[in-house]
């Protein structure tokens, strides 16, 4: 595990996946601090109300990375990427999450809860949280963002 503290959030479509990912991570990585930014029920919510606080938690150093889910993953990804120091990556496959970290140094994982299984969401989270940034030519590109 590359990180010691992460934040996780969702909208109503991703609540159960968020809870499943938290449970998995806490069992596998007992020293990992996971900050659950909500929501805590399936009652309809507006995804920006959760995406912005998650992005701020990464931006201000309260945590090192974030995971966020919504139905398609697009809304939360657009929202977190409004923040200057955030590199949110929409990932629906393990390989995409790996490349998002390896080549893009993504610091927020965005996932589409309606298009992946919980098991796949956990695998994607694992890949994201355990892949180091390669640096080199990729750092030069990121600096241009």
C-alpha atoms as a PDB file:
ATOM      1  CA  UNK A   1       0.000   0.000   0.000  1.00  0.00           C
ATOM      2  CA  UNK A   2       1.480   3.316  -1.121  1.00  0.00           C
ATOM      3  CA  UNK A   3      -0.802   5.535   0.934  1.00  0.00           C
ATOM      4  CA  UNK A   4      -1.409   5.907   4.659  1.00  0.00           C
ATOM      5  CA  UNK A   5      -4.605   7.974   4.466  1.00  0.00           C
ATOM      6  CA  UNK A   6      -7.284   8.176   1.785  1.00  0.00           C
ATOM      7  CA  UNK A   7     -10.746   9.702   1.465  1.00  0.00           C
ATOM      8  CA  UNK A   8     -13.694   7.943  -0.108  1.00  0.00           C
ATOM      9  CA  UNK A   9     -17.116   9.247  -1.137  1.00  0.00           C
ATOM     10  CA  UNK A  10     -19.938   8.546  -3.563  1.00  0.00           C
ATOM     11  CA  UNK A  11     -23.387   9.603  -4.538  1.00  0.00           C
ATOM     12  CA  UNK A  12     -26.498   7.521  -3.848  1.00  0.00           C
ATOM     13  CA  UNK A  13     -25.672   5.098  -6.688  1.00  0.00           C
ATOM     14  CA  UNK A  14     -22.321   4.198  -5.159  1.00  0.00           C
ATOM     15  CA  UNK A  15     -23.111   3.948  -1.430  1.00  0.00           C
ATOM     16  CA  UNK A  16     -23.011   0.144  -1.219  1.00  0.00           C
ATOM     17  CA  UNK A  17     -19.813  -0.070  -3.251  1.00  0.00           C
ATOM     18  CA  UNK A  18     -18.245   2.617  -1.083  1.00  0.00           C
ATOM     19  CA  UNK A  19     -19.112   0.620   2.025  1.00  0.00           C
ATOM     20  CA  UNK A  20     -17.792  -2.602   0.467  1.00  0.00           C
ATOM     21  CA  UNK A  21     -14.504  -0.973  -0.545  1.00  0.00           C
ATOM     22  CA  UNK A  22     -14.065   0.546   2.923  1.00  0.00           C
ATOM     23  CA  UNK A  23     -14.706  -2.800   4.588  1.00  0.00           C
ATOM     24  CA  UNK A  24     -12.244  -4.573   2.290  1.00  0.00           C
ATOM     25  CA  UNK A  25      -9.506  -1.968   2.726  1.00  0.00           C
ATOM     26  CA  UNK A  26      -9.830  -1.845   6.514  1.00  0.00           C
ATOM     27  CA  UNK A  27      -9.512  -5.641   6.746  1.00  0.00           C
ATOM     28  CA  UNK A  28      -6.585  -5.919   4.332  1.00  0.00           C
ATOM     29  CA  UNK A  29      -4.717  -2.779   5.442  1.00  0.00           C
ATOM     30  CA  UNK A  30      -5.393  -2.212   9.155  1.00  0.00           C
ATOM     31  CA  UNK A  31      -2.971   0.732   9.325  1.00  0.00           C
ATOM     32  CA  UNK A  32      -4.643   2.558   6.428  1.00  0.00           C
ATOM     33  CA  UNK A  33      -6.811   5.480   7.545  1.00  0.00           C
ATOM     34  CA  UNK A  34      -9.949   5.707   5.410  1.00  0.00           C
ATOM     35  CA  UNK A  35     -12.037   8.847   5.753  1.00  0.00           C
ATOM     36  CA  UNK A  36     -15.649   8.206   4.694  1.00  0.00           C
ATOM     37  CA  UNK A  37     -17.065  11.491   3.405  1.00  0.00           C
ATOM     38  CA  UNK A  38     -20.536  10.097   2.750  1.00  0.00           C
ATOM     39  CA  UNK A  39     -23.262   9.769   1.885  1.00  0.00           C
ATOM     40  CA  UNK A  40     -24.450   7.125   4.319  1.00  0.00           C
ATOM     41  CA  UNK A  41     -27.837   6.216   2.793  1.00  0.00           C
ATOM     42  CA  UNK A  42     -29.253   5.599  -0.675  1.00  0.00           C
ATOM     43  CA  UNK A  43     -31.330   8.782  -0.492  1.00  0.00           C
ATOM     44  CA  UNK A  44     -30.804  10.805  -3.672  1.00  0.00           C
ATOM     45  CA  UNK A  45     -27.993  13.345  -3.402  1.00  0.00           C
ATOM     46  CA  UNK A  46     -26.111  15.653  -5.749  1.00  0.00           C
ATOM     47  CA  UNK A  47     -22.678  14.221  -6.551  1.00  0.00           C
ATOM     48  CA  UNK A  48     -20.819  17.583  -6.509  1.00  0.00           C
ATOM     49  CA  UNK A  49     -21.735  17.925  -2.814  1.00  0.00           C
ATOM     50  CA  UNK A  50     -19.480  14.911  -2.150  1.00  0.00           C
ATOM     51  CA  UNK A  51     -16.940  15.270  -4.955  1.00  0.00           C
ATOM     52  CA  UNK A  52     -15.763  18.744  -3.952  1.00  0.00           C
ATOM     53  CA  UNK A  53     -15.077  17.877  -0.276  1.00  0.00           C
ATOM     54  CA  UNK A  54     -13.198  14.764  -1.391  1.00  0.00           C
ATOM     55  CA  UNK A  55     -11.099  16.783  -3.834  1.00  0.00           C
ATOM     56  CA  UNK A  56     -10.403  19.374  -1.139  1.00  0.00           C
ATOM     57  CA  UNK A  57      -9.285  16.670   1.288  1.00  0.00           C
ATOM     58  CA  UNK A  58      -6.633  15.595  -1.229  1.00  0.00           C
ATOM     59  CA  UNK A  59      -5.809  19.137  -2.284  1.00  0.00           C
ATOM     60  CA  UNK A  60      -5.209  20.395   1.259  1.00  0.00           C
ATOM     61  CA  UNK A  61      -3.206  17.330   2.329  1.00  0.00           C
ATOM     62  CA  UNK A  62      -5.734  15.826   4.745  1.00  0.00           C
ATOM     63  CA  UNK A  63      -5.272  12.624   2.758  1.00  0.00           C
ATOM     64  CA  UNK A  64      -2.988  11.420  -0.004  1.00  0.00           C
ATOM     65  CA  UNK A  65      -5.536  10.065  -2.473  1.00  0.00           C
ATOM     66  CA  UNK A  66      -9.252   9.678  -2.983  1.00  0.00           C
ATOM     67  CA  UNK A  67     -11.769   7.187  -4.325  1.00  0.00           C
ATOM     68  CA  UNK A  68     -15.176   8.360  -5.499  1.00  0.00           C
ATOM     69  CA  UNK A  69     -18.101   6.624  -7.180  1.00  0.00           C
ATOM     70  CA  UNK A  70     -21.287   7.647  -8.933  1.00  0.00           C
ATOM     71  CA  UNK A  71     -23.543   5.903 -11.440  1.00  0.00           C
ATOM     72  CA  UNK A  72     -21.419   6.523 -14.537  1.00  0.00           C
ATOM     73  CA  UNK A  73     -18.329   7.935 -12.826  1.00  0.00           C
ATOM     74  CA  UNK A  74     -18.428  10.909 -15.171  1.00  0.00           C
ATOM     75  CA  UNK A  75     -20.116  13.446 -12.906  1.00  0.00           C
ATOM     76  CA  UNK A  76     -17.770  12.919  -9.977  1.00  0.00           C
ATOM     77  CA  UNK A  77     -14.760  12.882 -12.294  1.00  0.00           C
ATOM     78  CA  UNK A  78     -15.745  16.204 -13.868  1.00  0.00           C
ATOM     79  CA  UNK A  79     -16.325  17.678 -10.403  1.00  0.00           C
ATOM     80  CA  UNK A  80     -13.028  16.621  -8.809  1.00  0.00           C
ATOM     81  CA  UNK A  81     -11.077  17.751 -11.864  1.00  0.00           C
ATOM     82  CA  UNK A  82     -12.277  21.326 -11.324  1.00  0.00           C
ATOM     83  CA  UNK A  83      -9.666  21.458  -8.548  1.00  0.00           C
ATOM     84  CA  UNK A  84      -6.218  22.605  -9.670  1.00  0.00           C
ATOM     85  CA  UNK A  85      -4.080  19.925  -8.015  1.00  0.00           C
ATOM     86  CA  UNK A  86      -6.451  17.027  -8.651  1.00  0.00           C
ATOM     87  CA  UNK A  87      -5.885  14.463 -11.358  1.00  0.00           C
ATOM     88  CA  UNK A  88      -9.055  12.402 -11.284  1.00  0.00           C
ATOM     89  CA  UNK A  89      -9.156   9.310 -13.481  1.00  0.00           C
ATOM     90  CA  UNK A  90     -12.324   7.538 -14.604  1.00  0.00           C
ATOM     91  CA  UNK A  91     -11.488   3.839 -14.378  1.00  0.00           C
ATOM     92  CA  UNK A  92     -13.641   0.817 -15.153  1.00  0.00           C
ATOM     93  CA  UNK A  93     -10.843  -1.711 -15.725  1.00  0.00           C
ATOM     94  CA  UNK A  94      -7.832  -2.644 -13.589  1.00  0.00           C
ATOM     95  CA  UNK A  95      -5.424  -1.825 -16.420  1.00  0.00           C
ATOM     96  CA  UNK A  96      -6.860   1.693 -16.784  1.00  0.00           C
ATOM     97  CA  UNK A  97      -6.404   2.319 -13.041  1.00  0.00           C
ATOM     98  CA  UNK A  98      -2.844   1.022 -13.196  1.00  0.00           C
ATOM     99  CA  UNK A  99      -2.007   3.292 -16.133  1.00  0.00           C
ATOM    100  CA  UNK A 100      -3.730   6.260 -14.475  1.00  0.00           C
ATOM    101  CA  UNK A 101      -1.264   5.971 -11.598  1.00  0.00           C
ATOM    102  CA  UNK A 102       1.768   4.808 -13.591  1.00  0.00           C
ATOM    103  CA  UNK A 103       1.597   7.407 -16.367  1.00  0.00           C
ATOM    104  CA  UNK A 104      -0.683  10.172 -15.060  1.00  0.00           C
ATOM    105  CA  UNK A 105       0.015  10.161 -11.316  1.00  0.00           C
ATOM    106  CA  UNK A 106      -3.741  10.282 -10.737  1.00  0.00           C
ATOM    107  CA  UNK A 107      -4.639  11.113  -7.148  1.00  0.00           C
ATOM    108  CA  UNK A 108      -8.397  10.494  -7.310  1.00  0.00           C
ATOM    109  CA  UNK A 109      -9.930   7.272  -8.605  1.00  0.00           C
ATOM    110  CA  UNK A 110     -13.410   7.770 -10.101  1.00  0.00           C
ATOM    111  CA  UNK A 111     -15.516   4.672 -10.754  1.00  0.00           C
ATOM    112  CA  UNK A 112     -18.876   3.937 -12.409  1.00  0.00           C
ATOM    113  CA  UNK A 113     -20.880   1.985  -9.823  1.00  0.00           C
ATOM    114  CA  UNK A 114     -23.546   1.035 -12.357  1.00  0.00           C
ATOM    115  CA  UNK A 115     -21.056  -0.480 -14.796  1.00  0.00           C
ATOM    116  CA  UNK A 116     -18.697  -2.585 -12.661  1.00  0.00           C
ATOM    117  CA  UNK A 117     -19.263  -5.249 -10.039  1.00  0.00           C
ATOM    118  CA  UNK A 118     -18.241  -4.661  -6.429  1.00  0.00           C
ATOM    119  CA  UNK A 119     -15.491  -7.251  -6.865  1.00  0.00           C
ATOM    120  CA  UNK A 120     -14.130  -5.385  -9.890  1.00  0.00           C
ATOM    121  CA  UNK A 121     -14.380  -2.052  -8.048  1.00  0.00           C
ATOM    122  CA  UNK A 122     -12.249  -3.552  -5.264  1.00  0.00           C
ATOM    123  CA  UNK A 123      -9.712  -4.865  -7.785  1.00  0.00           C
ATOM    124  CA  UNK A 124      -9.579  -1.451  -9.481  1.00  0.00           C
ATOM    125  CA  UNK A 125      -9.088   0.223  -6.091  1.00  0.00           C
ATOM    126  CA  UNK A 126      -6.263  -2.193  -5.251  1.00  0.00           C
ATOM    127  CA  UNK A 127      -4.508  -1.468  -8.544  1.00  0.00           C
ATOM    128  CA  UNK A 128      -4.878   2.274  -8.076  1.00  0.00           C
ATOM    129  CA  UNK A 129      -3.671   2.303  -4.472  1.00  0.00           C
ATOM    130  CA  UNK A 130      -0.709   0.011  -5.097  1.00  0.00           C
ATOM    131  CA  UNK A 131       0.757   1.417  -8.319  1.00  0.00           C
ATOM    132  CA  UNK A 132       3.578   3.941  -8.128  1.00  0.00           C
ATOM    133  CA  UNK A 133       3.972   6.829 -10.534  1.00  0.00           C
ATOM    134  CA  UNK A 134       6.647   6.034 -13.105  1.00  0.00           C
ATOM    135  CA  UNK A 135       7.843   9.627 -13.435  1.00  0.00           C
ATOM    136  CA  UNK A 136      10.366  10.363 -16.166  1.00  0.00           C
ATOM    137  CA  UNK A 137       8.790  11.470 -19.433  1.00  0.00           C
ATOM    138  CA  UNK A 138       5.361  11.290 -17.791  1.00  0.00           C
ATOM    139  CA  UNK A 139       6.232  13.933 -15.182  1.00  0.00           C
ATOM    140  CA  UNK A 140       7.080  16.402 -17.946  1.00  0.00           C
ATOM    141  CA  UNK A 141       3.646  15.808 -19.476  1.00  0.00           C
ATOM    142  CA  UNK A 142       1.822  16.153 -16.165  1.00  0.00           C
ATOM    143  CA  UNK A 143       3.591  19.432 -15.499  1.00  0.00           C
ATOM    144  CA  UNK A 144       1.927  20.773 -18.664  1.00  0.00           C
ATOM    145  CA  UNK A 145      -1.601  20.065 -17.421  1.00  0.00           C
END
